[in-house]
Structures are given as C-alpha cells and as structure tokens.
Amino acid sequence: MVTLSVTRSRVARVLESAADLLGREGWDPHRNSVMHAVDVAAGFVPGKSSADAEATSLAAWDALCQYLVDVSPREWETHEGLTQTEVVDALRAAAEEVTVC
C-alpha cells in the first residue's frame, strides 16, 4: 500500500516554487507554462515519478483551479493580455489560499 503525504503546506510550497520558477525563467503559456512549472516544483515527471509527486502536482493544480473559480487554468493562462506578473501573483495567492483554508 502506498501512503501519500500531500499536505496543504506541501501544496502551498509547490505553488510558491512554481511562482519563483516562472519569475526567474519567464512565463510563456506555450513554452514555459504554469502546469510545467507546477510539475517541476512538485518533482513530477510523467511516467517516471512517484505517485506522491504526481498527487502533489495534481493537488497544486486543483488549488489553482479553486483560486481561479470559474475558469480553467489553461484557458486563463492563454488569455490574451495576461502578464507574467499576474501569473506569478495568482500562484502566490493560490498558495496563500491553501494555507488559510
């Protein structure tokens, strides 16, 4: 039996790390997307990572979905005019929301 250790604090750290990564490397919805940054921050590589890393990545994605409310992160991310600052700020706000819920 596999025990997953996905905690709120871990999800918040992944979202913060994804924000840091995009802040450093630059955000582009087609070449350096939010989902990629979340996967990297969670240590998730499809087909090669642990179930724990995948569960953490999915939990972080879900937290971002909850923060954005009525729009999918992919739809939001590809909306014309969205800035890197807005993306980074949204990831940080989603991380904050996870910690206070």
PDB file of N, CA and C in Angstrom:
ATOM      1  N   MET A   1       0.832  -1.182   0.000  1.00  0.00           N
ATOM      2  CA  MET A   1       0.000   0.000   0.000  1.00  0.00           C
ATOM      3  C   MET A   1       0.879   1.249   0.000  1.00  0.00           C
ATOM      4  N   VAL A   2       0.515   2.219  -0.849  1.00  0.00           N
ATOM      5  CA  VAL A   2       1.265   3.468  -0.962  1.00  0.00           C
ATOM      6  C   VAL A   2       0.578   4.529  -0.116  1.00  0.00           C
ATOM      7  N   THR A   3       1.360   5.198   0.718  1.00  0.00           N
ATOM      8  CA  THR A   3       0.833   6.279   1.537  1.00  0.00           C
ATOM      9  C   THR A   3       1.304   7.598   0.941  1.00  0.00           C
ATOM     10  N   LEU A   4       0.372   8.449   0.594  1.00  0.00           N
ATOM     11  CA  LEU A   4       0.713   9.735   0.004  1.00  0.00           C
ATOM     12  C   LEU A   4       0.720  10.803   1.086  1.00  0.00           C
ATOM     13  N   SER A   5       1.702  11.673   1.012  1.00  0.00           N
ATOM     14  CA  SER A   5       1.830  12.718   2.033  1.00  0.00           C
ATOM     15  C   SER A   5       1.627  14.100   1.419  1.00  0.00           C
ATOM     16  N   VAL A   6       0.435  14.307   0.875  1.00  0.00           N
ATOM     17  CA  VAL A   6       0.112  15.597   0.276  1.00  0.00           C
ATOM     18  C   VAL A   6      -0.596  16.438   1.334  1.00  0.00           C
ATOM     19  N   THR A   7       0.130  17.381   1.859  1.00  0.00           N
ATOM     20  CA  THR A   7      -0.420  18.272   2.874  1.00  0.00           C
ATOM     21  C   THR A   7      -0.652  19.652   2.269  1.00  0.00           C
ATOM     22  N   ARG A   8      -1.444  20.450   2.951  1.00  0.00           N
ATOM     23  CA  ARG A   8      -1.667  21.829   2.490  1.00  0.00           C
ATOM     24  C   ARG A   8      -0.363  22.596   2.394  1.00  0.00           C
ATOM     25  N   SER A   9       0.487  22.424   3.390  1.00  0.00           N
ATOM     26  CA  SER A   9       1.753  23.163   3.363  1.00  0.00           C
ATOM     27  C   SER A   9       2.626  22.725   2.182  1.00  0.00           C
ATOM     28  N   ARG A  10       2.581  21.450   1.852  1.00  0.00           N
ATOM     29  CA  ARG A  10       3.356  20.979   0.707  1.00  0.00           C
ATOM     30  C   ARG A  10       2.794  21.545  -0.589  1.00  0.00           C
ATOM     31  N   VAL A  11       1.482  21.559  -0.717  1.00  0.00           N
ATOM     32  CA  VAL A  11       0.855  22.136  -1.913  1.00  0.00           C
ATOM     33  C   VAL A  11       1.201  23.619  -2.015  1.00  0.00           C
ATOM     34  N   ALA A  12       1.137  24.331  -0.917  1.00  0.00           N
ATOM     35  CA  ALA A  12       1.479  25.756  -0.915  1.00  0.00           C
ATOM     36  C   ALA A  12       2.935  25.967  -1.336  1.00  0.00           C
ATOM     37  N   ARG A  13       3.836  25.121  -0.833  1.00  0.00           N
ATOM     38  CA  ARG A  13       5.254  25.234  -1.223  1.00  0.00           C
ATOM     39  C   ARG A  13       5.443  25.000  -2.715  1.00  0.00           C
ATOM     40  N   VAL A  14       4.709  24.045  -3.273  1.00  0.00           N
ATOM     41  CA  VAL A  14       4.809  23.779  -4.714  1.00  0.00           C
ATOM     42  C   VAL A  14       4.328  24.988  -5.507  1.00  0.00           C
ATOM     43  N   LEU A  15       3.216  25.575  -5.108  1.00  0.00           N
ATOM     44  CA  LEU A  15       2.714  26.758  -5.808  1.00  0.00           C
ATOM     45  C   LEU A  15       3.689  27.923  -5.697  1.00  0.00           C
ATOM     46  N   GLU A  16       4.257  28.123  -4.519  1.00  0.00           N
ATOM     47  CA  GLU A  16       5.263  29.185  -4.333  1.00  0.00           C
ATOM     48  C   GLU A  16       6.503  28.916  -5.181  1.00  0.00           C
ATOM     49  N   SER A  17       6.944  27.662  -5.197  1.00  0.00           N
ATOM     50  CA  SER A  17       8.121  27.304  -6.004  1.00  0.00           C
ATOM     51  C   SER A  17       7.855  27.481  -7.489  1.00  0.00           C
ATOM     52  N   ALA A  18       6.647  27.152  -7.923  1.00  0.00           N
ATOM     53  CA  ALA A  18       6.286  27.355  -9.326  1.00  0.00           C
ATOM     54  C   ALA A  18       6.303  28.852  -9.656  1.00  0.00           C
ATOM     55  N   ALA A  19       5.801  29.676  -8.750  1.00  0.00           N
ATOM     56  CA  ALA A  19       5.837  31.127  -8.940  1.00  0.00           C
ATOM     57  C   ALA A  19       7.283  31.616  -9.029  1.00  0.00           C
ATOM     58  N   ASP A  20       8.130  31.127  -8.134  1.00  0.00           N
ATOM     59  CA  ASP A  20       9.551  31.504  -8.157  1.00  0.00           C
ATOM     60  C   ASP A  20      10.200  31.104  -9.483  1.00  0.00           C
ATOM     61  N   LEU A  21       9.909  29.880  -9.930  1.00  0.00           N
ATOM     62  CA  LEU A  21      10.482  29.376 -11.174  1.00  0.00           C
ATOM     63  C   LEU A  21      10.076  30.247 -12.362  1.00  0.00           C
ATOM     64  N   LEU A  22       8.788  30.552 -12.456  1.00  0.00           N
ATOM     65  CA  LEU A  22       8.327  31.390 -13.564  1.00  0.00           C
ATOM     66  C   LEU A  22       8.844  32.815 -13.441  1.00  0.00           C
ATOM     67  N   GLY A  23       9.019  33.292 -12.228  1.00  0.00           N
ATOM     68  CA  GLY A  23       9.596  34.615 -12.021  1.00  0.00           C
ATOM     69  C   GLY A  23      11.038  34.687 -12.503  1.00  0.00           C
ATOM     70  N   ARG A  24      11.773  33.614 -12.284  1.00  0.00           N
ATOM     71  CA  ARG A  24      13.190  33.559 -12.706  1.00  0.00           C
ATOM     72  C   ARG A  24      13.341  33.289 -14.197  1.00  0.00           C
ATOM     73  N   GLU A  25      12.633  32.278 -14.679  1.00  0.00           N
ATOM     74  CA  GLU A  25      12.834  31.795 -16.045  1.00  0.00           C
ATOM     75  C   GLU A  25      11.939  32.469 -17.075  1.00  0.00           C
ATOM     76  N   GLY A  26      10.926  33.159 -16.594  1.00  0.00           N
ATOM     77  CA  GLY A  26       9.970  33.765 -17.510  1.00  0.00           C
ATOM     78  C   GLY A  26       8.821  32.815 -17.792  1.00  0.00           C
ATOM     79  N   TRP A  27       7.661  33.379 -17.948  1.00  0.00           N
ATOM     80  CA  TRP A  27       6.459  32.601 -18.218  1.00  0.00           C
ATOM     81  C   TRP A  27       6.057  32.763 -19.669  1.00  0.00           C
ATOM     82  N   ASP A  28       5.696  31.686 -20.287  1.00  0.00           N
ATOM     83  CA  ASP A  28       5.131  31.682 -21.630  1.00  0.00           C
ATOM     84  C   ASP A  28       4.136  30.531 -21.671  1.00  0.00           C
ATOM     85  N   PRO A  29       2.876  30.773 -22.010  1.00  0.00           N
ATOM     86  CA  PRO A  29       1.878  29.716 -21.949  1.00  0.00           C
ATOM     87  C   PRO A  29       2.152  28.546 -22.889  1.00  0.00           C
ATOM     88  N   HIS A  30       3.025  28.747 -23.878  1.00  0.00           N
ATOM     89  CA  HIS A  30       3.316  27.685 -24.839  1.00  0.00           C
ATOM     90  C   HIS A  30       4.676  27.031 -24.619  1.00  0.00           C
ATOM     91  N   ARG A  31       5.613  27.753 -24.032  1.00  0.00           N
ATOM     92  CA  ARG A  31       6.962  27.200 -23.856  1.00  0.00           C
ATOM     93  C   ARG A  31       7.370  26.987 -22.405  1.00  0.00           C
ATOM     94  N   ASN A  32       6.787  27.720 -21.500  1.00  0.00           N
ATOM     95  CA  ASN A  32       7.096  27.569 -20.073  1.00  0.00           C
ATOM     96  C   ASN A  32       5.802  27.834 -19.303  1.00  0.00           C
ATOM     97  N   SER A  33       4.915  26.866 -19.371  1.00  0.00           N
ATOM     98  CA  SER A  33       3.556  27.033 -18.851  1.00  0.00           C
ATOM     99  C   SER A  33       3.474  26.873 -17.336  1.00  0.00           C
ATOM    100  N   VAL A  34       2.342  27.267 -16.804  1.00  0.00           N
ATOM    101  CA  VAL A  34       2.075  27.101 -15.375  1.00  0.00           C
ATOM    102  C   VAL A  34       2.113  25.621 -15.006  1.00  0.00           C
ATOM    103  N   MET A  35       1.483  24.769 -15.811  1.00  0.00           N
ATOM    104  CA  MET A  35       1.456  23.342 -15.497  1.00  0.00           C
ATOM    105  C   MET A  35       2.862  22.763 -15.460  1.00  0.00           C
ATOM    106  N   HIS A  36       3.695  23.158 -16.397  1.00  0.00           N
ATOM    107  CA  HIS A  36       5.080  22.682 -16.388  1.00  0.00           C
ATOM    108  C   HIS A  36       5.790  23.134 -15.111  1.00  0.00           C
ATOM    109  N   ALA A  37       5.604  24.383 -14.745  1.00  0.00           N
ATOM    110  CA  ALA A  37       6.252  24.909 -13.538  1.00  0.00           C
ATOM    111  C   ALA A  37       5.764  24.172 -12.291  1.00  0.00           C
ATOM    112  N   VAL A  38       4.467  23.881 -12.233  1.00  0.00           N
ATOM    113  CA  VAL A  38       3.920  23.137 -11.091  1.00  0.00           C
ATOM    114  C   VAL A  38       4.517  21.727 -11.054  1.00  0.00           C
ATOM    115  N   ASP A  39       4.583  21.073 -12.210  1.00  0.00           N
ATOM    116  CA  ASP A  39       5.172  19.728 -12.262  1.00  0.00           C
ATOM    117  C   ASP A  39       6.623  19.740 -11.792  1.00  0.00           C
ATOM    118  N   VAL A  40       7.398  20.698 -12.271  1.00  0.00           N
ATOM    119  CA  VAL A  40       8.811  20.811 -11.868  1.00  0.00           C
ATOM    120  C   VAL A  40       8.906  21.043 -10.363  1.00  0.00           C
ATOM    121  N   ALA A  41       8.105  21.950  -9.858  1.00  0.00           N
ATOM    122  CA  ALA A  41       8.136  22.275  -8.428  1.00  0.00           C
ATOM    123  C   ALA A  41       7.743  21.072  -7.572  1.00  0.00           C
ATOM    124  N   ALA A  42       6.851  20.238  -8.084  1.00  0.00           N
ATOM    125  CA  ALA A  42       6.416  19.051  -7.338  1.00  0.00           C
ATOM    126  C   ALA A  42       7.366  17.871  -7.527  1.00  0.00           C
ATOM    127  N   GLY A  43       8.296  18.000  -8.458  1.00  0.00           N
ATOM    128  CA  GLY A  43       9.199  16.887  -8.755  1.00  0.00           C
ATOM    129  C   GLY A  43       8.536  15.807  -9.593  1.00  0.00           C
ATOM    130  N   PHE A  44       7.508  16.195 -10.361  1.00  0.00           N
ATOM    131  CA  PHE A  44       6.755  15.233 -11.159  1.00  0.00           C
ATOM    132  C   PHE A  44       7.222  15.222 -12.609  1.00  0.00           C
ATOM    133  N   VAL A  45       7.596  14.034 -13.069  1.00  0.00           N
ATOM    134  CA  VAL A  45       7.930  13.796 -14.470  1.00  0.00           C
ATOM    135  C   VAL A  45       7.025  12.661 -14.930  1.00  0.00           C
ATOM    136  N   PRO A  46       6.090  12.947 -15.856  1.00  0.00           N
ATOM    137  CA  PRO A  46       5.150  11.909 -16.280  1.00  0.00           C
ATOM    138  C   PRO A  46       5.843  10.598 -16.665  1.00  0.00           C
ATOM    139  N   GLY A  47       5.349   9.520 -16.091  1.00  0.00           N
ATOM    140  CA  GLY A  47       5.876   8.191 -16.381  1.00  0.00           C
ATOM    141  C   GLY A  47       7.142   7.815 -15.634  1.00  0.00           C
ATOM    142  N   LYS A  48       7.721   8.755 -14.892  1.00  0.00           N
ATOM    143  CA  LYS A  48       8.994   8.484 -14.225  1.00  0.00           C
ATOM    144  C   LYS A  48       9.001   8.818 -12.740  1.00  0.00           C
ATOM    145  N   SER A  49       7.967   9.490 -12.266  1.00  0.00           N
ATOM    146  CA  SER A  49       7.965   9.960 -10.878  1.00  0.00           C
ATOM    147  C   SER A  49       7.115   9.068  -9.989  1.00  0.00           C
ATOM    148  N   SER A  50       7.224   9.348  -8.715  1.00  0.00           N
ATOM    149  CA  SER A  50       6.438   8.619  -7.722  1.00  0.00           C
ATOM    150  C   SER A  50       4.982   9.053  -7.765  1.00  0.00           C
ATOM    151  N   ALA A  51       4.130   8.212  -7.227  1.00  0.00           N
ATOM    152  CA  ALA A  51       2.715   8.554  -7.097  1.00  0.00           C
ATOM    153  C   ALA A  51       2.557   9.782  -6.205  1.00  0.00           C
ATOM    154  N   ASP A  52       3.431   9.930  -5.238  1.00  0.00           N
ATOM    155  CA  ASP A  52       3.398  11.071  -4.324  1.00  0.00           C
ATOM    156  C   ASP A  52       3.642  12.383  -5.080  1.00  0.00           C
ATOM    157  N   ALA A  53       4.625  12.395  -5.966  1.00  0.00           N
ATOM    158  CA  ALA A  53       4.915  13.601  -6.744  1.00  0.00           C
ATOM    159  C   ALA A  53       3.743  13.937  -7.663  1.00  0.00           C
ATOM    160  N   GLU A  54       3.150  12.921  -8.261  1.00  0.00           N
ATOM    161  CA  GLU A  54       2.001  13.156  -9.135  1.00  0.00           C
ATOM    162  C   GLU A  54       0.811  13.693  -8.337  1.00  0.00           C
ATOM    163  N   ALA A  55       0.551  13.098  -7.196  1.00  0.00           N
ATOM    164  CA  ALA A  55      -0.563  13.547  -6.353  1.00  0.00           C
ATOM    165  C   ALA A  55      -0.351  14.991  -5.896  1.00  0.00           C
ATOM    166  N   THR A  56       0.874  15.348  -5.591  1.00  0.00           N
ATOM    167  CA  THR A  56       1.179  16.711  -5.162  1.00  0.00           C
ATOM    168  C   THR A  56       0.971  17.692  -6.308  1.00  0.00           C
ATOM    169  N   SER A  57       1.421  17.333  -7.499  1.00  0.00           N
ATOM    170  CA  SER A  57       1.225  18.184  -8.665  1.00  0.00           C
ATOM    171  C   SER A  57      -0.260  18.388  -8.937  1.00  0.00           C
ATOM    172  N   LEU A  58      -1.031  17.313  -8.883  1.00  0.00           N
ATOM    173  CA  LEU A  58      -2.477  17.408  -9.114  1.00  0.00           C
ATOM    174  C   LEU A  58      -3.168  18.246  -8.035  1.00  0.00           C
ATOM    175  N   ALA A  59      -2.739  18.105  -6.799  1.00  0.00           N
ATOM    176  CA  ALA A  59      -3.324  18.893  -5.709  1.00  0.00           C
ATOM    177  C   ALA A  59      -3.019  20.378  -5.889  1.00  0.00           C
ATOM    178  N   ALA A  60      -1.821  20.696  -6.354  1.00  0.00           N
ATOM    179  CA  ALA A  60      -1.461  22.092  -6.603  1.00  0.00           C
ATOM    180  C   ALA A  60      -2.286  22.652  -7.768  1.00  0.00           C
ATOM    181  N   TRP A  61      -2.455  21.856  -8.800  1.00  0.00           N
ATOM    182  CA  TRP A  61      -3.273  22.270  -9.940  1.00  0.00           C
ATOM    183  C   TRP A  61      -4.705  22.521  -9.489  1.00  0.00           C
ATOM    184  N   ASP A  62      -5.241  21.612  -8.658  1.00  0.00           N
ATOM    185  CA  ASP A  62      -6.593  21.777  -8.122  1.00  0.00           C
ATOM    186  C   ASP A  62      -6.716  23.058  -7.292  1.00  0.00           C
ATOM    187  N   ALA A  63      -5.694  23.351  -6.503  1.00  0.00           N
ATOM    188  CA  ALA A  63      -5.722  24.571  -5.684  1.00  0.00           C
ATOM    189  C   ALA A  63      -5.755  25.809  -6.569  1.00  0.00           C
ATOM    190  N   LEU A  64      -5.009  25.780  -7.663  1.00  0.00           N
ATOM    191  CA  LEU A  64      -5.029  26.910  -8.589  1.00  0.00           C
ATOM    192  C   LEU A  64      -6.406  27.009  -9.246  1.00  0.00           C
ATOM    193  N   CYS A  65      -6.992  25.882  -9.613  1.00  0.00           N
ATOM    194  CA  CYS A  65      -8.350  25.873 -10.189  1.00  0.00           C
ATOM    195  C   CYS A  65      -9.344  26.510  -9.222  1.00  0.00           C
ATOM    196  N   GLN A  66      -9.256  26.153  -7.958  1.00  0.00           N
ATOM    197  CA  GLN A  66     -10.159  26.717  -6.955  1.00  0.00           C
ATOM    198  C   GLN A  66      -9.951  28.217  -6.814  1.00  0.00           C
ATOM    199  N   TYR A  67      -8.710  28.651  -6.862  1.00  0.00           N
ATOM    200  CA  TYR A  67      -8.426  30.080  -6.748  1.00  0.00           C
ATOM    201  C   TYR A  67      -9.016  30.852  -7.938  1.00  0.00           C
ATOM    202  N   LEU A  68      -8.917  30.287  -9.132  1.00  0.00           N
ATOM    203  CA  LEU A  68      -9.400  30.967 -10.341  1.00  0.00           C
ATOM    204  C   LEU A  68     -10.917  30.889 -10.510  1.00  0.00           C
ATOM    205  N   VAL A  69     -11.569  30.087  -9.723  1.00  0.00           N
ATOM    206  CA  VAL A  69     -13.022  29.905  -9.635  1.00  0.00           C
ATOM    207  C   VAL A  69     -13.656  29.408 -10.931  1.00  0.00           C
ATOM    208  N   ASP A  70     -14.073  30.268 -11.826  1.00  0.00           N
ATOM    209  CA  ASP A  70     -14.898  29.859 -12.964  1.00  0.00           C
ATOM    210  C   ASP A  70     -14.154  29.720 -14.289  1.00  0.00           C
ATOM    211  N   VAL A  71     -12.859  29.592 -14.254  1.00  0.00           N
ATOM    212  CA  VAL A  71     -12.099  29.449 -15.499  1.00  0.00           C
ATOM    213  C   VAL A  71     -11.002  28.403 -15.286  1.00  0.00           C
ATOM    214  N   SER A  72     -10.769  27.600 -16.299  1.00  0.00           N
ATOM    215  CA  SER A  72      -9.703  26.606 -16.178  1.00  0.00           C
ATOM    216  C   SER A  72      -8.357  27.316 -16.233  1.00  0.00           C
ATOM    217  N   PRO A  73      -7.359  26.798 -15.518  1.00  0.00           N
ATOM    218  CA  PRO A  73      -6.044  27.437 -15.560  1.00  0.00           C
ATOM    219  C   PRO A  73      -5.479  27.537 -16.982  1.00  0.00           C
ATOM    220  N   ARG A  74      -5.720  26.510 -17.797  1.00  0.00           N
ATOM    221  CA  ARG A  74      -5.189  26.556 -19.167  1.00  0.00           C
ATOM    222  C   ARG A  74      -5.871  27.662 -19.977  1.00  0.00           C
ATOM    223  N   GLU A  75      -7.182  27.787 -19.840  1.00  0.00           N
ATOM    224  CA  GLU A  75      -7.917  28.847 -20.532  1.00  0.00           C
ATOM    225  C   GLU A  75      -7.448  30.217 -20.031  1.00  0.00           C
ATOM    226  N   TRP A  76      -7.318  30.333 -18.712  1.00  0.00           N
ATOM    227  CA  TRP A  76      -6.862  31.581 -18.102  1.00  0.00           C
ATOM    228  C   TRP A  76      -5.470  31.943 -18.589  1.00  0.00           C
ATOM    229  N   GLU A  77      -4.589  30.951 -18.601  1.00  0.00           N
ATOM    230  CA  GLU A  77      -3.192  31.188 -18.954  1.00  0.00           C
ATOM    231  C   GLU A  77      -3.017  31.633 -20.404  1.00  0.00           C
ATOM    232  N   THR A  78      -3.900  31.214 -21.277  1.00  0.00           N
ATOM    233  CA  THR A  78      -3.765  31.562 -22.686  1.00  0.00           C
ATOM    234  C   THR A  78      -4.596  32.786 -23.079  1.00  0.00           C
ATOM    235  N   HIS A  79      -5.210  33.422 -22.099  1.00  0.00           N
ATOM    236  CA  HIS A  79      -5.990  34.631 -22.363  1.00  0.00           C
ATOM    237  C   HIS A  79      -5.052  35.760 -22.795  1.00  0.00           C
ATOM    238  N   GLU A  80      -5.381  36.370 -23.904  1.00  0.00           N
ATOM    239  CA  GLU A  80      -4.555  37.449 -24.431  1.00  0.00           C
ATOM    240  C   GLU A  80      -4.449  38.590 -23.428  1.00  0.00           C
ATOM    241  N   GLY A  81      -3.247  39.089 -23.249  1.00  0.00           N
ATOM    242  CA  GLY A  81      -3.015  40.226 -22.373  1.00  0.00           C
ATOM    243  C   GLY A  81      -2.574  39.864 -20.963  1.00  0.00           C
ATOM    244  N   LEU A  82      -2.638  38.586 -20.625  1.00  0.00           N
ATOM    245  CA  LEU A  82      -2.188  38.164 -19.293  1.00  0.00           C
ATOM    246  C   LEU A  82      -0.683  38.389 -19.182  1.00  0.00           C
ATOM    247  N   THR A  83      -0.245  38.903 -18.057  1.00  0.00           N
ATOM    248  CA  THR A  83       1.187  39.188 -17.882  1.00  0.00           C
ATOM    249  C   THR A  83       1.846  38.171 -16.962  1.00  0.00           C
ATOM    250  N   GLN A  84       3.142  38.115 -17.036  1.00  0.00           N
ATOM    251  CA  GLN A  84       3.919  37.241 -16.156  1.00  0.00           C
ATOM    252  C   GLN A  84       3.673  37.605 -14.695  1.00  0.00           C
ATOM    253  N   THR A  85       3.602  38.876 -14.404  1.00  0.00           N
ATOM    254  CA  THR A  85       3.345  39.319 -13.032  1.00  0.00           C
ATOM    255  C   THR A  85       2.002  38.798 -12.539  1.00  0.00           C
ATOM    256  N   GLU A  86       0.988  38.849 -13.367  1.00  0.00           N
ATOM    257  CA  GLU A  86      -0.334  38.337 -12.983  1.00  0.00           C
ATOM    258  C   GLU A  86      -0.302  36.833 -12.726  1.00  0.00           C
ATOM    259  N   VAL A  87       0.441  36.112 -13.538  1.00  0.00           N
ATOM    260  CA  VAL A  87       0.564  34.655 -13.369  1.00  0.00           C
ATOM    261  C   VAL A  87       1.273  34.337 -12.057  1.00  0.00           C
ATOM    262  N   VAL A  88       2.388  34.978 -11.826  1.00  0.00           N
ATOM    263  CA  VAL A  88       3.156  34.750 -10.597  1.00  0.00           C
ATOM    264  C   VAL A  88       2.320  35.138  -9.377  1.00  0.00           C
ATOM    265  N   ASP A  89       1.646  36.261  -9.453  1.00  0.00           N
ATOM    266  CA  ASP A  89       0.798  36.705  -8.337  1.00  0.00           C
ATOM    267  C   ASP A  89      -0.333  35.718  -8.068  1.00  0.00           C
ATOM    268  N   ALA A  90      -0.932  35.165  -9.118  1.00  0.00           N
ATOM    269  CA  ALA A  90      -2.018  34.188  -8.944  1.00  0.00           C
ATOM    270  C   ALA A  90      -1.512  32.916  -8.267  1.00  0.00           C
ATOM    271  N   LEU A  91      -0.342  32.451  -8.650  1.00  0.00           N
ATOM    272  CA  LEU A  91       0.232  31.270  -7.993  1.00  0.00           C
ATOM    273  C   LEU A  91       0.482  31.535  -6.516  1.00  0.00           C
ATOM    274  N   ARG A  92       1.016  32.707  -6.204  1.00  0.00           N
ATOM    275  CA  ARG A  92       1.274  33.049  -4.804  1.00  0.00           C
ATOM    276  C   ARG A  92      -0.040  33.193  -4.021  1.00  0.00           C
ATOM    277  N   ALA A  93      -1.044  33.786  -4.643  1.00  0.00           N
ATOM    278  CA  ALA A  93      -2.341  33.939  -3.975  1.00  0.00           C
ATOM    279  C   ALA A  93      -3.002  32.581  -3.754  1.00  0.00           C
ATOM    280  N   ALA A  94      -2.877  31.690  -4.721  1.00  0.00           N
ATOM    281  CA  ALA A  94      -3.426  30.327  -4.550  1.00  0.00           C
ATOM    282  C   ALA A  94      -2.706  29.616  -3.415  1.00  0.00           C
ATOM    283  N   ALA A  95      -1.394  29.814  -3.309  1.00  0.00           N
ATOM    284  CA  ALA A  95      -0.627  29.213  -2.209  1.00  0.00           C
ATOM    285  C   ALA A  95      -1.108  29.753  -0.872  1.00  0.00           C
ATOM    286  N   GLU A  96      -1.346  31.037  -0.801  1.00  0.00           N
ATOM    287  CA  GLU A  96      -1.851  31.657   0.424  1.00  0.00           C
ATOM    288  C   GLU A  96      -3.220  31.116   0.772  1.00  0.00           C
ATOM    289  N   GLU A  97      -4.077  30.976  -0.221  1.00  0.00           N
ATOM    290  CA  GLU A  97      -5.425  30.462  -0.013  1.00  0.00           C
ATOM    291  C   GLU A  97      -5.393  29.026   0.544  1.00  0.00           C
ATOM    292  N   VAL A  98      -4.466  28.226   0.057  1.00  0.00           N
ATOM    293  CA  VAL A  98      -4.327  26.843   0.539  1.00  0.00           C
ATOM    294  C   VAL A  98      -3.967  26.827   2.016  1.00  0.00           C
ATOM    295  N   THR A  99      -3.137  27.735   2.439  1.00  0.00           N
ATOM    296  CA  THR A  99      -2.668  27.718   3.820  1.00  0.00           C
ATOM    297  C   THR A  99      -3.702  28.238   4.815  1.00  0.00           C
ATOM    298  N   VAL A 100      -4.648  29.062   4.353  1.00  0.00           N
ATOM    299  CA  VAL A 100      -5.643  29.611   5.281  1.00  0.00           C
ATOM    300  C   VAL A 100      -6.972  28.857   5.276  1.00  0.00           C
ATOM    301  N   CYS A 101      -7.136  27.928   4.362  1.00  0.00           N
ATOM    302  CA  CYS A 101      -8.395  27.157   4.290  1.00  0.00           C
ATOM    303  C   CYS A 101      -8.482  26.114   5.395  1.00  0.00           C
TER     304      CYS A 101
END
